[in-house]
Amino acid sequence: MGIEKCSFIPNGFNELALCRGGPRLYNKHDVYVGGALARYGEFSLSESLLFEQLLRPGAIVIEAGANIGAHTVDIARIVGPTGQVYAFEPQRLVFQALCANLALNQLSNVFAYQAGVGAQTGSITVPYLPPTETHNFGGLSIGSGPVGDVVPLATIDALDLAHCHFIKVDVEGMETEVLQGGLRTIDRYRPLMYLENDRKERSRDLLSLIERLDYDAYWHFARFFNPGNFAGNPVNDFPPDLVSINVLCVPRELKMAVEGLRRVSSVDETFDALR
């Protein structure tokens, strides 16, 4: 079947494709998000399907580490025009693609910021990845060196929102710091949270904080390759066991039934023993 693609400029780094849920602009040199959209017309579909179960129209969502908006677009559609999404992406060119995808999909309920999110406000250095070279642009750790673009560093609490129903964080090892900068918001509104947790050396700190906040955590492994993908492409070009590793965090007072996900049994538990 394949998907329709458009490259505006000969030898340019951005391509546009008609994907599941609408058009997506992506960097054709990006290994994972761009690679998945180019080959399969979707990225990590099981995450979007989970968000459909968790979110309702009118919900207010914070997304730290929005990348090019592969999931931002889906979330914005789920919460609808009465909902709001606050999306943060610190990489300048990736942020431009995020804004392009919001515009292409005509989403007026997203507030996008070129900024990092952390434990305190300030600024942070974002290394520059040449867009014409092959990279995992979504795997960049910010603040890792002295050279790059200096961007604002925001906190969740500084948004001072009237409500918050859902927090999604994918910030390459800084998930704990993001939550530390949102403790007042989390305590006040008790949102559901969906957090990347694929750094074993940082996992205990993150799970310990989730425990102290009186949340239950559940592992969610989202496979990159979906045999029923939008493009109808039967070939898995990714390693067969490649997954996004996240935890769904639920306030204990909700007593919410979570089916199909394994509950984290200990702050010392690591994902590699469970896959």
C-alpha atoms as a PDB file:
ATOM      1  CA  MET A   1       0.000   0.000   0.000  1.00  0.00           C
ATOM      2  CA  GLY A   2       2.543   2.606   1.128  1.00  0.00           C
ATOM      3  CA  ILE A   3       1.857   6.197   2.103  1.00  0.00           C
ATOM      4  CA  GLU A   4       1.743   9.447   0.169  1.00  0.00           C
ATOM      5  CA  LYS A   5       4.880  11.551   0.638  1.00  0.00           C
ATOM      6  CA  CYS A   6       5.913  15.013  -0.425  1.00  0.00           C
ATOM      7  CA  SER A   7       9.415  16.511  -0.308  1.00  0.00           C
ATOM      8  CA  PHE A   8       9.163  20.262  -0.860  1.00  0.00           C
ATOM      9  CA  ILE A   9      12.808  20.985  -1.624  1.00  0.00           C
ATOM     10  CA  PRO A  10      15.127  18.662  -3.587  1.00  0.00           C
ATOM     11  CA  ASN A  11      17.596  17.059  -1.156  1.00  0.00           C
ATOM     12  CA  GLY A  12      15.857  18.758   1.784  1.00  0.00           C
ATOM     13  CA  PHE A  13      15.758  17.099   5.194  1.00  0.00           C
ATOM     14  CA  ASN A  14      12.017  17.408   5.862  1.00  0.00           C
ATOM     15  CA  GLU A  15       9.315  15.263   4.273  1.00  0.00           C
ATOM     16  CA  LEU A  16       5.550  15.412   4.573  1.00  0.00           C
ATOM     17  CA  ALA A  17       3.462  12.243   4.627  1.00  0.00           C
ATOM     18  CA  LEU A  18      -0.202  11.439   4.988  1.00  0.00           C
ATOM     19  CA  CYS A  19      -0.147   9.281   8.106  1.00  0.00           C
ATOM     20  CA  ARG A  20      -2.641   7.680  10.447  1.00  0.00           C
ATOM     21  CA  GLY A  21      -4.650  10.562  11.873  1.00  0.00           C
ATOM     22  CA  GLY A  22      -3.531  13.178   9.344  1.00  0.00           C
ATOM     23  CA  PRO A  23      -0.410  14.742   7.830  1.00  0.00           C
ATOM     24  CA  ARG A  24       2.935  14.641   9.600  1.00  0.00           C
ATOM     25  CA  LEU A  25       6.096  16.579   8.813  1.00  0.00           C
ATOM     26  CA  TYR A  26       9.259  14.758   9.910  1.00  0.00           C
ATOM     27  CA  ASN A  27      12.999  14.732   9.329  1.00  0.00           C
ATOM     28  CA  LYS A  28      13.768  11.909   6.897  1.00  0.00           C
ATOM     29  CA  HIS A  29      17.163  11.425   8.596  1.00  0.00           C
ATOM     30  CA  ASP A  30      15.604  10.737  11.986  1.00  0.00           C
ATOM     31  CA  VAL A  31      16.148   7.105  12.947  1.00  0.00           C
ATOM     32  CA  TYR A  32      13.073   6.364  15.039  1.00  0.00           C
ATOM     33  CA  VAL A  33      10.173   8.851  14.959  1.00  0.00           C
ATOM     34  CA  GLY A  34      10.866   9.998  11.402  1.00  0.00           C
ATOM     35  CA  GLY A  35      11.790   6.492  10.319  1.00  0.00           C
ATOM     36  CA  ALA A  36       8.539   5.066  11.679  1.00  0.00           C
ATOM     37  CA  LEU A  37       6.395   7.754  10.036  1.00  0.00           C
ATOM     38  CA  ALA A  38       8.194   7.326   6.708  1.00  0.00           C
ATOM     39  CA  ARG A  39       7.901   3.523   6.644  1.00  0.00           C
ATOM     40  CA  TYR A  40       4.663   2.865   8.497  1.00  0.00           C
ATOM     41  CA  GLY A  41       2.672   6.099   8.603  1.00  0.00           C
ATOM     42  CA  GLU A  42       2.481   5.972  12.397  1.00  0.00           C
ATOM     43  CA  PHE A  43       4.658   6.036  15.498  1.00  0.00           C
ATOM     44  CA  SER A  44       4.139   3.943  18.642  1.00  0.00           C
ATOM     45  CA  LEU A  45       0.439   3.452  18.014  1.00  0.00           C
ATOM     46  CA  SER A  46      -0.130   1.559  21.274  1.00  0.00           C
ATOM     47  CA  GLU A  47       0.678   4.748  23.207  1.00  0.00           C
ATOM     48  CA  SER A  48      -1.981   6.709  21.311  1.00  0.00           C
ATOM     49  CA  LEU A  49      -4.487   3.910  21.908  1.00  0.00           C
ATOM     50  CA  LEU A  50      -3.718   4.030  25.625  1.00  0.00           C
ATOM     51  CA  PHE A  51      -4.235   7.807  25.653  1.00  0.00           C
ATOM     52  CA  GLU A  52      -7.642   7.292  24.056  1.00  0.00           C
ATOM     53  CA  GLN A  53      -8.620   5.163  27.044  1.00  0.00           C
ATOM     54  CA  LEU A  54      -7.275   7.607  29.626  1.00  0.00           C
ATOM     55  CA  LEU A  55      -8.273  11.024  28.272  1.00  0.00           C
ATOM     56  CA  ARG A  56     -11.634  12.689  27.839  1.00  0.00           C
ATOM     57  CA  PRO A  57     -12.818  15.783  25.930  1.00  0.00           C
ATOM     58  CA  GLY A  58     -12.035  18.905  27.914  1.00  0.00           C
ATOM     59  CA  ALA A  59      -8.942  17.480  29.630  1.00  0.00           C
ATOM     60  CA  ILE A  60      -5.908  19.683  30.296  1.00  0.00           C
ATOM     61  CA  VAL A  61      -2.631  17.970  29.378  1.00  0.00           C
ATOM     62  CA  ILE A  62       1.039  18.842  29.859  1.00  0.00           C
ATOM     63  CA  GLU A  63       3.531  17.208  27.500  1.00  0.00           C
ATOM     64  CA  ALA A  64       7.222  17.635  28.279  1.00  0.00           C
ATOM     65  CA  GLY A  65       9.329  16.466  25.352  1.00  0.00           C
ATOM     66  CA  ALA A  66       6.795  16.709  22.549  1.00  0.00           C
ATOM     67  CA  ASN A  67       9.337  16.133  19.756  1.00  0.00           C
ATOM     68  CA  ILE A  68       7.627  16.771  16.381  1.00  0.00           C
ATOM     69  CA  GLY A  69       4.164  16.164  17.821  1.00  0.00           C
ATOM     70  CA  ALA A  70       3.609  12.565  16.678  1.00  0.00           C
ATOM     71  CA  HIS A  71       1.562  12.055  19.856  1.00  0.00           C
ATOM     72  CA  THR A  72       0.713  15.703  20.524  1.00  0.00           C
ATOM     73  CA  VAL A  73      -1.603  15.742  17.516  1.00  0.00           C
ATOM     74  CA  ASP A  74      -3.424  12.621  18.724  1.00  0.00           C
ATOM     75  CA  ILE A  75      -3.742  13.931  22.282  1.00  0.00           C
ATOM     76  CA  ALA A  76      -5.049  17.296  21.076  1.00  0.00           C
ATOM     77  CA  ARG A  77      -7.718  15.576  19.012  1.00  0.00           C
ATOM     78  CA  ILE A  78      -8.776  13.374  21.933  1.00  0.00           C
ATOM     79  CA  VAL A  79      -9.221  16.292  24.371  1.00  0.00           C
ATOM     80  CA  GLY A  80     -10.952  18.306  21.650  1.00  0.00           C
ATOM     81  CA  PRO A  81     -11.578  22.037  21.349  1.00  0.00           C
ATOM     82  CA  THR A  82     -12.650  22.330  24.987  1.00  0.00           C
ATOM     83  CA  GLY A  83      -9.379  20.754  26.148  1.00  0.00           C
ATOM     84  CA  GLN A  84      -5.871  22.176  26.195  1.00  0.00           C
ATOM     85  CA  VAL A  85      -2.389  20.759  25.584  1.00  0.00           C
ATOM     86  CA  TYR A  86       0.766  22.498  26.806  1.00  0.00           C
ATOM     87  CA  ALA A  87       3.586  21.047  24.695  1.00  0.00           C
ATOM     88  CA  PHE A  88       7.289  21.686  25.341  1.00  0.00           C
ATOM     89  CA  GLU A  89      10.138  20.881  22.944  1.00  0.00           C
ATOM     90  CA  PRO A  90      13.608  22.440  23.407  1.00  0.00           C
ATOM     91  CA  GLN A  91      15.308  21.556  20.080  1.00  0.00           C
ATOM     92  CA  ARG A  92      14.869  24.497  17.706  1.00  0.00           C
ATOM     93  CA  LEU A  93      14.378  22.617  14.430  1.00  0.00           C
ATOM     94  CA  VAL A  94      12.349  19.871  16.056  1.00  0.00           C
ATOM     95  CA  PHE A  95      10.158  22.536  17.646  1.00  0.00           C
ATOM     96  CA  GLN A  96       9.608  24.082  14.202  1.00  0.00           C
ATOM     97  CA  ALA A  97       8.377  20.704  12.938  1.00  0.00           C
ATOM     98  CA  LEU A  98       6.100  20.427  15.982  1.00  0.00           C
ATOM     99  CA  CYS A  99       4.508  23.771  15.147  1.00  0.00           C
ATOM    100  CA  ALA A 100       4.184  22.752  11.497  1.00  0.00           C
ATOM    101  CA  ASN A 101       2.322  19.595  12.489  1.00  0.00           C
ATOM    102  CA  LEU A 102      -0.024  21.527  14.760  1.00  0.00           C
ATOM    103  CA  ALA A 103      -0.752  23.946  11.906  1.00  0.00           C
ATOM    104  CA  LEU A 104      -1.159  21.214   9.281  1.00  0.00           C
ATOM    105  CA  ASN A 105      -3.672  19.445  11.505  1.00  0.00           C
ATOM    106  CA  GLN A 106      -5.423  22.739  12.352  1.00  0.00           C
ATOM    107  CA  LEU A 107      -5.180  22.316  16.107  1.00  0.00           C
ATOM    108  CA  SER A 108      -5.956  25.507  17.980  1.00  0.00           C
ATOM    109  CA  ASN A 109      -6.004  23.935  21.446  1.00  0.00           C
ATOM    110  CA  VAL A 110      -2.232  23.409  21.768  1.00  0.00           C
ATOM    111  CA  PHE A 111       0.136  25.903  23.391  1.00  0.00           C
ATOM    112  CA  ALA A 112       3.647  25.095  22.152  1.00  0.00           C
ATOM    113  CA  TYR A 113       6.855  26.290  23.801  1.00  0.00           C
ATOM    114  CA  GLN A 114      10.465  26.007  22.673  1.00  0.00           C
ATOM    115  CA  ALA A 115      11.717  25.234  26.150  1.00  0.00           C
ATOM    116  CA  GLY A 116      12.937  22.472  28.371  1.00  0.00           C
ATOM    117  CA  VAL A 117      11.098  21.429  31.521  1.00  0.00           C
ATOM    118  CA  GLY A 118      12.882  20.789  34.787  1.00  0.00           C
ATOM    119  CA  ALA A 119      12.989  21.181  38.536  1.00  0.00           C
ATOM    120  CA  GLN A 120      13.404  24.943  38.450  1.00  0.00           C
ATOM    121  CA  THR A 121      13.075  27.806  35.996  1.00  0.00           C
ATOM    122  CA  GLY A 122      16.117  29.218  34.238  1.00  0.00           C
ATOM    123  CA  SER A 123      17.864  28.288  31.025  1.00  0.00           C
ATOM    124  CA  ILE A 124      19.564  25.236  29.600  1.00  0.00           C
ATOM    125  CA  THR A 125      21.866  24.429  26.687  1.00  0.00           C
ATOM    126  CA  VAL A 126      20.505  22.233  23.913  1.00  0.00           C
ATOM    127  CA  PRO A 127      23.177  20.586  21.713  1.00  0.00           C
ATOM    128  CA  TYR A 128      22.718  21.128  17.983  1.00  0.00           C
ATOM    129  CA  LEU A 129      22.231  18.087  15.765  1.00  0.00           C
ATOM    130  CA  PRO A 130      22.738  18.819  12.035  1.00  0.00           C
ATOM    131  CA  PRO A 131      19.390  18.043  10.367  1.00  0.00           C
ATOM    132  CA  THR A 132      21.007  16.595   7.238  1.00  0.00           C
ATOM    133  CA  GLU A 133      22.775  13.842   9.202  1.00  0.00           C
ATOM    134  CA  THR A 134      21.320  10.612  10.575  1.00  0.00           C
ATOM    135  CA  HIS A 135      20.423  10.923  14.261  1.00  0.00           C
ATOM    136  CA  ASN A 136      17.945   9.815  16.858  1.00  0.00           C
ATOM    137  CA  PHE A 137      16.688  13.375  17.319  1.00  0.00           C
ATOM    138  CA  GLY A 138      14.250  12.258  20.003  1.00  0.00           C
ATOM    139  CA  GLY A 139      17.051  10.732  22.067  1.00  0.00           C
ATOM    140  CA  LEU A 140      19.011  13.940  22.648  1.00  0.00           C
ATOM    141  CA  SER A 141      19.857  14.748  26.281  1.00  0.00           C
ATOM    142  CA  ILE A 142      19.786  18.486  26.898  1.00  0.00           C
ATOM    143  CA  GLY A 143      22.166  20.307  29.213  1.00  0.00           C
ATOM    144  CA  SER A 144      24.866  17.752  28.345  1.00  0.00           C
ATOM    145  CA  GLY A 145      27.480  20.173  27.050  1.00  0.00           C
ATOM    146  CA  PRO A 146      28.563  23.815  26.839  1.00  0.00           C
ATOM    147  CA  VAL A 147      27.829  24.249  23.120  1.00  0.00           C
ATOM    148  CA  GLY A 148      24.390  24.675  21.587  1.00  0.00           C
ATOM    149  CA  ASP A 149      21.268  26.790  21.727  1.00  0.00           C
ATOM    150  CA  VAL A 150      20.414  28.291  25.096  1.00  0.00           C
ATOM    151  CA  VAL A 151      16.652  27.940  25.679  1.00  0.00           C
ATOM    152  CA  PRO A 152      14.334  28.679  28.608  1.00  0.00           C
ATOM    153  CA  LEU A 153      13.881  26.034  31.274  1.00  0.00           C
ATOM    154  CA  ALA A 154      10.299  25.979  32.528  1.00  0.00           C
ATOM    155  CA  THR A 155       8.550  24.144  35.341  1.00  0.00           C
ATOM    156  CA  ILE A 156       5.115  22.600  35.447  1.00  0.00           C
ATOM    157  CA  ASP A 157       4.197  24.633  38.523  1.00  0.00           C
ATOM    158  CA  ALA A 158       5.103  27.904  36.774  1.00  0.00           C
ATOM    159  CA  LEU A 159       2.242  27.300  34.324  1.00  0.00           C
ATOM    160  CA  ASP A 160      -0.143  27.880  37.252  1.00  0.00           C
ATOM    161  CA  LEU A 161      -2.933  26.005  35.483  1.00  0.00           C
ATOM    162  CA  ALA A 162      -6.558  26.043  36.581  1.00  0.00           C
ATOM    163  CA  HIS A 163      -6.507  22.249  36.372  1.00  0.00           C
ATOM    164  CA  CYS A 164      -4.350  19.395  35.104  1.00  0.00           C
ATOM    165  CA  HIS A 165      -5.671  15.954  34.190  1.00  0.00           C
ATOM    166  CA  PHE A 166      -2.677  14.294  32.510  1.00  0.00           C
ATOM    167  CA  ILE A 167       1.109  14.742  32.403  1.00  0.00           C
ATOM    168  CA  LYS A 168       3.221  13.051  29.719  1.00  0.00           C
ATOM    169  CA  VAL A 169       7.005  13.221  30.083  1.00  0.00           C
ATOM    170  CA  ASP A 170       9.636  11.958  27.624  1.00  0.00           C
ATOM    171  CA  VAL A 171      12.818  13.897  28.367  1.00  0.00           C
ATOM    172  CA  GLU A 172      15.680  11.402  28.117  1.00  0.00           C
ATOM    173  CA  GLY A 173      16.483  10.829  31.759  1.00  0.00           C
ATOM    174  CA  MET A 174      15.216  14.115  33.232  1.00  0.00           C
ATOM    175  CA  GLU A 175      11.794  12.755  34.168  1.00  0.00           C
ATOM    176  CA  THR A 176      12.466  13.025  37.920  1.00  0.00           C
ATOM    177  CA  GLU A 177      13.453  16.681  37.592  1.00  0.00           C
ATOM    178  CA  VAL A 178      10.293  17.449  35.598  1.00  0.00           C
ATOM    179  CA  LEU A 179       8.124  16.001  38.375  1.00  0.00           C
ATOM    180  CA  GLN A 180      10.100  17.876  41.025  1.00  0.00           C
ATOM    181  CA  GLY A 181       9.194  21.100  39.246  1.00  0.00           C
ATOM    182  CA  GLY A 182       5.515  20.135  39.317  1.00  0.00           C
ATOM    183  CA  LEU A 183       4.993  18.916  42.867  1.00  0.00           C
ATOM    184  CA  ARG A 184       2.454  21.619  43.700  1.00  0.00           C
ATOM    185  CA  THR A 185       0.441  20.898  40.542  1.00  0.00           C
ATOM    186  CA  ILE A 186       0.568  17.146  41.148  1.00  0.00           C
ATOM    187  CA  ASP A 187      -0.483  17.530  44.785  1.00  0.00           C
ATOM    188  CA  ARG A 188      -3.338  19.881  43.899  1.00  0.00           C
ATOM    189  CA  TYR A 189      -4.844  18.106  40.889  1.00  0.00           C
ATOM    190  CA  ARG A 190      -3.585  14.496  41.128  1.00  0.00           C
ATOM    191  CA  PRO A 191      -3.312  13.960  37.359  1.00  0.00           C
ATOM    192  CA  LEU A 192      -2.639  10.674  35.641  1.00  0.00           C
ATOM    193  CA  MET A 193       0.978  10.584  34.471  1.00  0.00           C
ATOM    194  CA  TYR A 194       2.737   8.748  31.656  1.00  0.00           C
ATOM    195  CA  LEU A 195       6.520   8.832  32.049  1.00  0.00           C
ATOM    196  CA  GLU A 196       9.391   7.404  30.047  1.00  0.00           C
ATOM    197  CA  ASN A 197      11.532   5.155  32.249  1.00  0.00           C
ATOM    198  CA  ASP A 198      14.186   3.548  30.074  1.00  0.00           C
ATOM    199  CA  ARG A 199      17.316   4.639  31.966  1.00  0.00           C
ATOM    200  CA  LYS A 200      18.149   1.960  34.511  1.00  0.00           C
ATOM    201  CA  GLU A 201      20.526   4.262  36.349  1.00  0.00           C
ATOM    202  CA  ARG A 202      17.715   6.808  36.870  1.00  0.00           C
ATOM    203  CA  SER A 203      14.811   4.404  37.380  1.00  0.00           C
ATOM    204  CA  ARG A 204      15.063   4.014  41.152  1.00  0.00           C
ATOM    205  CA  ASP A 205      14.976   7.775  41.736  1.00  0.00           C
ATOM    206  CA  LEU A 206      11.934   8.140  39.493  1.00  0.00           C
ATOM    207  CA  LEU A 207      10.013   5.205  40.961  1.00  0.00           C
ATOM    208  CA  SER A 208      10.854   6.348  44.487  1.00  0.00           C
ATOM    209  CA  LEU A 209       9.411   9.778  43.779  1.00  0.00           C
ATOM    210  CA  ILE A 210       6.266   8.229  42.283  1.00  0.00           C
ATOM    211  CA  GLU A 211       5.923   6.122  45.448  1.00  0.00           C
ATOM    212  CA  ARG A 212       6.317   9.178  47.706  1.00  0.00           C
ATOM    213  CA  LEU A 213       3.614  10.966  45.716  1.00  0.00           C
ATOM    214  CA  ASP A 214       1.245   8.091  46.584  1.00  0.00           C
ATOM    215  CA  TYR A 215       0.850   6.825  43.032  1.00  0.00           C
ATOM    216  CA  ASP A 216       0.790   3.287  41.675  1.00  0.00           C
ATOM    217  CA  ALA A 217       2.983   2.718  38.604  1.00  0.00           C
ATOM    218  CA  TYR A 218       2.411   0.254  35.762  1.00  0.00           C
ATOM    219  CA  TRP A 219       4.892  -0.719  33.058  1.00  0.00           C
ATOM    220  CA  HIS A 220       3.868  -0.012  29.463  1.00  0.00           C
ATOM    221  CA  PHE A 221       6.066  -1.364  26.669  1.00  0.00           C
ATOM    222  CA  ALA A 222       5.098   0.187  23.325  1.00  0.00           C
ATOM    223  CA  ARG A 223       6.500  -1.691  20.334  1.00  0.00           C
ATOM    224  CA  PHE A 224       7.849   0.386  17.472  1.00  0.00           C
ATOM    225  CA  PHE A 225       6.579  -2.008  14.810  1.00  0.00           C
ATOM    226  CA  ASN A 226       2.871  -2.645  14.396  1.00  0.00           C
ATOM    227  CA  PRO A 227       2.059  -5.455  11.905  1.00  0.00           C
ATOM    228  CA  GLY A 228      -1.248  -3.705  11.157  1.00  0.00           C
ATOM    229  CA  ASN A 229       0.439  -0.372  10.473  1.00  0.00           C
ATOM    230  CA  PHE A 230      -1.212   2.402   8.464  1.00  0.00           C
ATOM    231  CA  ALA A 231       1.096   1.929   5.458  1.00  0.00           C
ATOM    232  CA  GLY A 232       0.422  -1.804   5.240  1.00  0.00           C
ATOM    233  CA  ASN A 233       4.165  -2.441   5.357  1.00  0.00           C
ATOM    234  CA  PRO A 234       4.822  -6.018   6.554  1.00  0.00           C
ATOM    235  CA  VAL A 235       8.593  -5.563   6.955  1.00  0.00           C
ATOM    236  CA  ASN A 236       9.944  -4.653  10.404  1.00  0.00           C
ATOM    237  CA  ASP A 237      13.009  -2.484   9.809  1.00  0.00           C
ATOM    238  CA  PHE A 238      13.551  -2.022  13.555  1.00  0.00           C
ATOM    239  CA  PRO A 239      15.105  -4.568  15.938  1.00  0.00           C
ATOM    240  CA  PRO A 240      12.322  -7.071  16.761  1.00  0.00           C
ATOM    241  CA  ASP A 241      12.361  -6.313  20.492  1.00  0.00           C
ATOM    242  CA  LEU A 242      12.568  -2.511  20.195  1.00  0.00           C
ATOM    243  CA  VAL A 243      10.034  -0.817  22.483  1.00  0.00           C
ATOM    244  CA  SER A 244       9.396   2.496  24.191  1.00  0.00           C
ATOM    245  CA  ILE A 245       9.562   1.872  27.945  1.00  0.00           C
ATOM    246  CA  ASN A 246       7.176   3.919  30.059  1.00  0.00           C
ATOM    247  CA  VAL A 247       5.246   3.828  33.299  1.00  0.00           C
ATOM    248  CA  LEU A 248       1.608   4.805  33.691  1.00  0.00           C
ATOM    249  CA  CYS A 249       1.139   6.426  37.103  1.00  0.00           C
ATOM    250  CA  VAL A 250      -2.258   6.433  38.808  1.00  0.00           C
ATOM    251  CA  PRO A 251      -3.171   8.219  42.069  1.00  0.00           C
ATOM    252  CA  ARG A 252      -3.943   5.514  44.607  1.00  0.00           C
ATOM    253  CA  GLU A 253      -7.095   7.241  45.767  1.00  0.00           C
ATOM    254  CA  LEU A 254      -8.641   6.718  42.322  1.00  0.00           C
ATOM    255  CA  LYS A 255      -8.675   2.941  42.853  1.00  0.00           C
ATOM    256  CA  MET A 256      -8.634   2.681  39.066  1.00  0.00           C
ATOM    257  CA  ALA A 257      -8.567  -0.761  37.491  1.00  0.00           C
ATOM    258  CA  VAL A 258      -5.621  -0.993  35.090  1.00  0.00           C
ATOM    259  CA  GLU A 259      -5.934  -4.027  32.853  1.00  0.00           C
ATOM    260  CA  GLY A 260      -3.215  -5.475  30.669  1.00  0.00           C
ATOM    261  CA  LEU A 261      -0.305  -3.654  32.355  1.00  0.00           C
ATOM    262  CA  ARG A 262       2.018  -5.044  35.015  1.00  0.00           C
ATOM    263  CA  ARG A 263       2.182  -3.072  38.232  1.00  0.00           C
ATOM    264  CA  VAL A 264       5.617  -1.975  39.414  1.00  0.00           C
ATOM    265  CA  SER A 265       6.237  -4.064  42.527  1.00  0.00           C
ATOM    266  CA  SER A 266       9.331  -2.303  43.873  1.00  0.00           C
ATOM    267  CA  VAL A 267      11.355   0.860  43.305  1.00  0.00           C
ATOM    268  CA  ASP A 268      14.281  -1.461  42.563  1.00  0.00           C
ATOM    269  CA  GLU A 269      12.433  -3.235  39.763  1.00  0.00           C
ATOM    270  CA  THR A 270      13.926  -2.709  36.309  1.00  0.00           C
ATOM    271  CA  PHE A 271      12.343  -3.166  32.920  1.00  0.00           C
ATOM    272  CA  ASP A 272      14.905  -5.604  31.495  1.00  0.00           C
ATOM    273  CA  ALA A 273      13.730  -8.409  33.810  1.00  0.00           C
ATOM    274  CA  LEU A 274      10.137  -8.028  32.618  1.00  0.00           C
ATOM    275  CA  ARG A 275      10.321  -7.890  28.842  1.00  0.00           C
END
